[in-house]
């Protein structure tokens, strides 16, 4: 998908759903997101791009980038398989993950 894709079309229902999903995070949440989604969170100093152990992580299955396919998507898959993250919501391809607390002895 072209980097300028969002500048040359009107927002649609999927865009509104993504925006509504991101608005549910409290300001200064420890949230990460894949590439283009991060641009919606970029003014929050606690938000970060890429999957790196954040409390929350958001990705959109309808978005793709080389970094997502090579780095973040495999890391997300491993984290879910290890049960260190759980899917909180998955609607129209927009997925929100939450980091699970580590088991204490």
Protein backbone atom coordinates (compact mmCIF):
# COMPACT_ATOMS: atom_id res chain seq x y z
CA UNK A 1 0.00 0.00 0.00
CA UNK A 2 1.32 3.44 -0.87
CA UNK A 3 2.44 5.60 2.06
CA UNK A 4 0.15 8.41 0.85
CA UNK A 5 -2.93 6.20 0.58
CA UNK A 6 -4.77 7.94 3.43
CA UNK A 7 -4.30 11.42 2.00
CA UNK A 8 -6.15 10.68 -1.23
CA UNK A 9 -9.42 9.23 -0.03
CA UNK A 10 -12.21 10.00 2.39
CA UNK A 11 -12.13 8.22 5.76
CA UNK A 12 -14.31 5.11 5.86
CA UNK A 13 -15.96 2.93 8.53
CA UNK A 14 -12.75 1.01 9.13
CA UNK A 15 -10.87 4.27 9.76
CA UNK A 16 -13.55 5.35 12.24
CA UNK A 17 -13.32 2.01 14.01
CA UNK A 18 -9.54 2.33 14.28
CA UNK A 19 -9.80 5.87 15.60
CA UNK A 20 -12.44 4.81 18.15
CA UNK A 21 -10.26 1.92 19.27
CA UNK A 22 -7.27 4.19 19.83
CA UNK A 23 -9.35 6.80 21.65
CA UNK A 24 -10.18 4.24 24.35
CA UNK A 25 -6.60 4.28 25.62
CA UNK A 26 -6.04 6.63 28.52
CA UNK A 27 -3.59 9.45 27.87
CA UNK A 28 0.00 8.36 28.53
CA UNK A 29 -0.83 4.65 28.26
CA UNK A 30 2.09 2.36 27.53
CA UNK A 31 0.85 1.46 24.06
CA UNK A 32 2.68 0.37 20.96
CA UNK A 33 1.42 0.11 17.42
CA UNK A 34 2.51 -1.00 14.02
CA UNK A 35 3.76 1.50 11.48
CA UNK A 36 0.86 3.59 10.14
CA UNK A 37 -1.25 3.18 13.27
CA UNK A 38 1.49 4.79 15.35
CA UNK A 39 0.91 8.06 13.48
CA UNK A 40 -2.43 8.28 15.29
CA UNK A 41 -0.65 7.95 18.66
CA UNK A 42 2.48 9.93 17.85
CA UNK A 43 1.69 12.91 20.09
CA UNK A 44 1.49 10.70 23.18
CA UNK A 45 5.00 10.55 24.70
CA UNK A 46 4.41 7.04 26.07
CA UNK A 47 3.30 5.59 22.73
CA UNK A 48 5.86 3.77 20.62
CA UNK A 49 6.16 2.16 17.23
CA UNK A 50 6.82 -1.57 16.96
CA UNK A 51 6.20 -4.47 19.30
CA UNK A 52 8.58 -4.06 22.25
CA UNK A 53 7.00 -5.25 25.50
CA UNK A 54 4.45 -2.47 25.91
CA UNK A 55 1.41 -2.96 28.16
CA UNK A 56 -0.82 -2.64 25.08
CA UNK A 57 -0.20 -3.21 21.39
CA UNK A 58 -2.49 -2.41 18.44
CA UNK A 59 -2.22 -3.67 14.90
CA UNK A 60 -4.44 -3.79 11.86
CA UNK A 61 -4.50 -6.88 9.68
CA UNK A 62 -5.42 -4.72 6.68
CA UNK A 63 -2.07 -2.88 6.95
CA UNK A 64 1.21 -4.38 5.90
CA UNK A 65 4.80 -3.21 5.90
CA UNK A 66 8.07 -5.05 5.48
CA UNK A 67 8.90 -4.43 9.15
CA UNK A 68 5.53 -5.82 10.24
CA UNK A 69 5.98 -9.01 8.23
CA UNK A 70 9.63 -9.51 9.12
CA UNK A 71 9.82 -8.36 12.77
CA UNK A 72 6.63 -7.46 14.60
CA UNK A 73 4.15 -10.04 13.30
CA UNK A 74 6.37 -13.02 14.23
CA UNK A 75 7.09 -11.45 17.65
CA UNK A 76 3.36 -10.96 18.28
CA UNK A 77 2.68 -14.57 17.30
CA UNK A 78 5.34 -15.84 19.71
CA UNK A 79 4.05 -13.63 22.56
CA UNK A 80 0.50 -14.93 22.12
CA UNK A 81 1.73 -18.53 21.92
CA UNK A 82 3.75 -18.04 25.15
CA UNK A 83 0.66 -16.47 26.72
CA UNK A 84 2.57 -13.34 27.66
CA UNK A 85 -0.01 -11.35 25.65
CA UNK A 86 -3.70 -11.89 25.09
CA UNK A 87 -6.04 -10.56 22.44
CA UNK A 88 -8.48 -8.19 24.13
CA UNK A 89 -10.44 -7.23 21.02
CA UNK A 90 -10.35 -8.13 17.35
CA UNK A 91 -12.85 -6.26 15.20
CA UNK A 92 -12.65 -5.81 11.44
CA UNK A 93 -8.95 -6.74 11.51
CA UNK A 94 -8.05 -4.24 14.23
CA UNK A 95 -6.46 -6.20 17.06
CA UNK A 96 -5.68 -4.98 20.58
CA UNK A 97 -3.29 -7.02 22.71
CA UNK A 98 -2.72 -6.69 26.46
CA UNK A 99 0.40 -7.82 28.23
CA UNK A 100 -0.40 -10.40 30.87
CA UNK A 101 1.15 -10.22 34.30
CA UNK A 102 3.83 -12.76 34.94
CA UNK A 103 2.91 -15.61 37.24
CA UNK A 104 4.36 -15.13 40.70
CA UNK A 105 5.71 -18.04 42.75
